[in-house]
Amino acid sequence: MLVAQGLLTGDQLGELLRGQQATGAGPRKRLGSLVVDGGLATEMEVAQALAEALALPMIDLGRTMAQPEAVRLLPRPAPSGPAC
């Protein structure tokens, strides 16, 4: 999708994938992170491409008000030690 949308060239994608494979025994870095870290696209552009690839609507949570009923369903964080 990143190539189809003109965010990356095929050569850039190949280079990123080779770099991703060469990270060694640890966990591989996500392709989207490599694209953003390399300055090839913004986080928003990568998110839009991913949403399109998965046929999902793009939602900007910075501009969307959460419904209180939905927030109540989220687990609360565990207490962390004694309060001061």
C-alpha atoms as a PDB file:
ATOM      1  CA  MET A   1       0.000   0.000   0.000  1.00  0.00           C
ATOM      2  CA  LEU A   2       2.842   2.410   0.756  1.00  0.00           C
ATOM      3  CA  VAL A   3       4.224   1.946  -2.748  1.00  0.00           C
ATOM      4  CA  ALA A   4       0.775   2.058  -4.366  1.00  0.00           C
ATOM      5  CA  GLN A   5       0.047   5.360  -2.622  1.00  0.00           C
ATOM      6  CA  GLY A   6       3.356   6.823  -3.752  1.00  0.00           C
ATOM      7  CA  LEU A   7       4.813   7.112  -0.259  1.00  0.00           C
ATOM      8  CA  LEU A   8       7.677   4.723  -1.062  1.00  0.00           C
ATOM      9  CA  THR A   9       9.363   3.435  -4.172  1.00  0.00           C
ATOM     10  CA  GLY A  10       9.826  -0.277  -4.693  1.00  0.00           C
ATOM     11  CA  ASP A  11      13.564   0.188  -4.108  1.00  0.00           C
ATOM     12  CA  GLN A  12      12.961   1.997  -0.810  1.00  0.00           C
ATOM     13  CA  LEU A  13      10.604  -0.751   0.330  1.00  0.00           C
ATOM     14  CA  GLY A  14      13.159  -3.425  -0.561  1.00  0.00           C
ATOM     15  CA  GLU A  15      15.882  -1.584   1.337  1.00  0.00           C
ATOM     16  CA  LEU A  16      13.677  -1.244   4.411  1.00  0.00           C
ATOM     17  CA  LEU A  17      12.730  -4.917   4.326  1.00  0.00           C
ATOM     18  CA  ARG A  18      16.396  -5.945   4.033  1.00  0.00           C
ATOM     19  CA  GLY A  19      17.252  -3.688   6.949  1.00  0.00           C
ATOM     20  CA  GLN A  20      14.399  -5.160   8.941  1.00  0.00           C
ATOM     21  CA  GLN A  21      15.762  -8.692   8.364  1.00  0.00           C
ATOM     22  CA  ALA A  22      19.272  -7.651   9.407  1.00  0.00           C
ATOM     23  CA  THR A  23      18.260  -6.582  12.915  1.00  0.00           C
ATOM     24  CA  GLY A  24      19.605  -9.824  14.382  1.00  0.00           C
ATOM     25  CA  ALA A  25      18.108 -12.115  16.995  1.00  0.00           C
ATOM     26  CA  GLY A  26      15.989  -9.485  18.727  1.00  0.00           C
ATOM     27  CA  PRO A  27      12.485  -8.501  17.708  1.00  0.00           C
ATOM     28  CA  ARG A  28      12.234  -6.870  14.289  1.00  0.00           C
ATOM     29  CA  LYS A  29      11.247  -3.240  14.127  1.00  0.00           C
ATOM     30  CA  ARG A  30       7.871  -2.675  12.475  1.00  0.00           C
ATOM     31  CA  LEU A  31       7.964  -1.544   8.880  1.00  0.00           C
ATOM     32  CA  GLY A  32       5.838   1.516   9.620  1.00  0.00           C
ATOM     33  CA  SER A  33       8.308   2.625  12.290  1.00  0.00           C
ATOM     34  CA  LEU A  34      11.194   2.245   9.856  1.00  0.00           C
ATOM     35  CA  VAL A  35       9.346   4.328   7.269  1.00  0.00           C
ATOM     36  CA  VAL A  36       8.659   7.115   9.784  1.00  0.00           C
ATOM     37  CA  ASP A  37      12.153   6.975  11.327  1.00  0.00           C
ATOM     38  CA  GLY A  38      13.645   7.213   7.838  1.00  0.00           C
ATOM     39  CA  GLY A  39      11.602  10.341   7.133  1.00  0.00           C
ATOM     40  CA  LEU A  40       9.869   8.700   4.176  1.00  0.00           C
ATOM     41  CA  ALA A  41       6.335   9.286   5.475  1.00  0.00           C
ATOM     42  CA  THR A  42       4.549  10.626   8.531  1.00  0.00           C
ATOM     43  CA  GLU A  43       2.843   8.483  11.150  1.00  0.00           C
ATOM     44  CA  MET A  44      -0.509   9.730   9.833  1.00  0.00           C
ATOM     45  CA  GLU A  45       0.344   8.688   6.255  1.00  0.00           C
ATOM     46  CA  VAL A  46       1.395   5.214   7.414  1.00  0.00           C
ATOM     47  CA  ALA A  47      -1.770   4.900   9.532  1.00  0.00           C
ATOM     48  CA  GLN A  48      -3.949   5.954   6.582  1.00  0.00           C
ATOM     49  CA  ALA A  49      -2.254   3.421   4.302  1.00  0.00           C
ATOM     50  CA  LEU A  50      -2.733   0.670   6.889  1.00  0.00           C
ATOM     51  CA  ALA A  51      -6.386   1.595   7.399  1.00  0.00           C
ATOM     52  CA  GLU A  52      -6.945   1.473   3.655  1.00  0.00           C
ATOM     53  CA  ALA A  53      -5.147  -1.875   3.337  1.00  0.00           C
ATOM     54  CA  LEU A  54      -7.360  -3.347   6.056  1.00  0.00           C
ATOM     55  CA  ALA A  55     -10.522  -1.654   4.743  1.00  0.00           C
ATOM     56  CA  LEU A  56     -11.015   0.118   8.073  1.00  0.00           C
ATOM     57  CA  PRO A  57     -12.082   3.700   8.679  1.00  0.00           C
ATOM     58  CA  MET A  58      -9.339   6.078   9.790  1.00  0.00           C
ATOM     59  CA  ILE A  59     -10.129   7.657  13.149  1.00  0.00           C
ATOM     60  CA  ASP A  60      -8.033  10.445  14.644  1.00  0.00           C
ATOM     61  CA  LEU A  61      -8.374   9.912  18.384  1.00  0.00           C
ATOM     62  CA  GLY A  62      -6.977  13.382  18.988  1.00  0.00           C
ATOM     63  CA  ARG A  63     -10.131  14.790  17.415  1.00  0.00           C
ATOM     64  CA  THR A  64     -12.664  12.227  18.603  1.00  0.00           C
ATOM     65  CA  MET A  65     -14.438  12.361  21.936  1.00  0.00           C
ATOM     66  CA  ALA A  66     -14.516   9.007  23.724  1.00  0.00           C
ATOM     67  CA  GLN A  67     -17.925   7.818  24.835  1.00  0.00           C
ATOM     68  CA  PRO A  68     -18.071   7.541  28.642  1.00  0.00           C
ATOM     69  CA  GLU A  69     -19.680   4.066  28.391  1.00  0.00           C
ATOM     70  CA  ALA A  70     -16.727   2.824  26.365  1.00  0.00           C
ATOM     71  CA  VAL A  71     -14.173   4.355  28.751  1.00  0.00           C
ATOM     72  CA  ARG A  72     -15.807   2.542  31.674  1.00  0.00           C
ATOM     73  CA  LEU A  73     -15.099  -0.775  29.925  1.00  0.00           C
ATOM     74  CA  LEU A  74     -11.336  -0.182  29.948  1.00  0.00           C
ATOM     75  CA  PRO A  75      -9.365  -1.900  32.727  1.00  0.00           C
ATOM     76  CA  ARG A  76      -8.087   0.355  35.460  1.00  0.00           C
ATOM     77  CA  PRO A  77      -4.328   0.413  36.101  1.00  0.00           C
ATOM     78  CA  ALA A  78      -3.159  -1.548  39.143  1.00  0.00           C
ATOM     79  CA  PRO A  79      -2.120   0.527  42.142  1.00  0.00           C
ATOM     80  CA  SER A  80       1.643   1.083  42.237  1.00  0.00           C
ATOM     81  CA  GLY A  81       2.949   0.947  45.763  1.00  0.00           C
ATOM     82  CA  PRO A  82       2.110   3.110  48.753  1.00  0.00           C
ATOM     83  CA  ALA A  83       0.787   6.611  48.139  1.00  0.00           C
ATOM     84  CA  CYS A  84       2.873   9.507  49.464  1.00  0.00           C
END
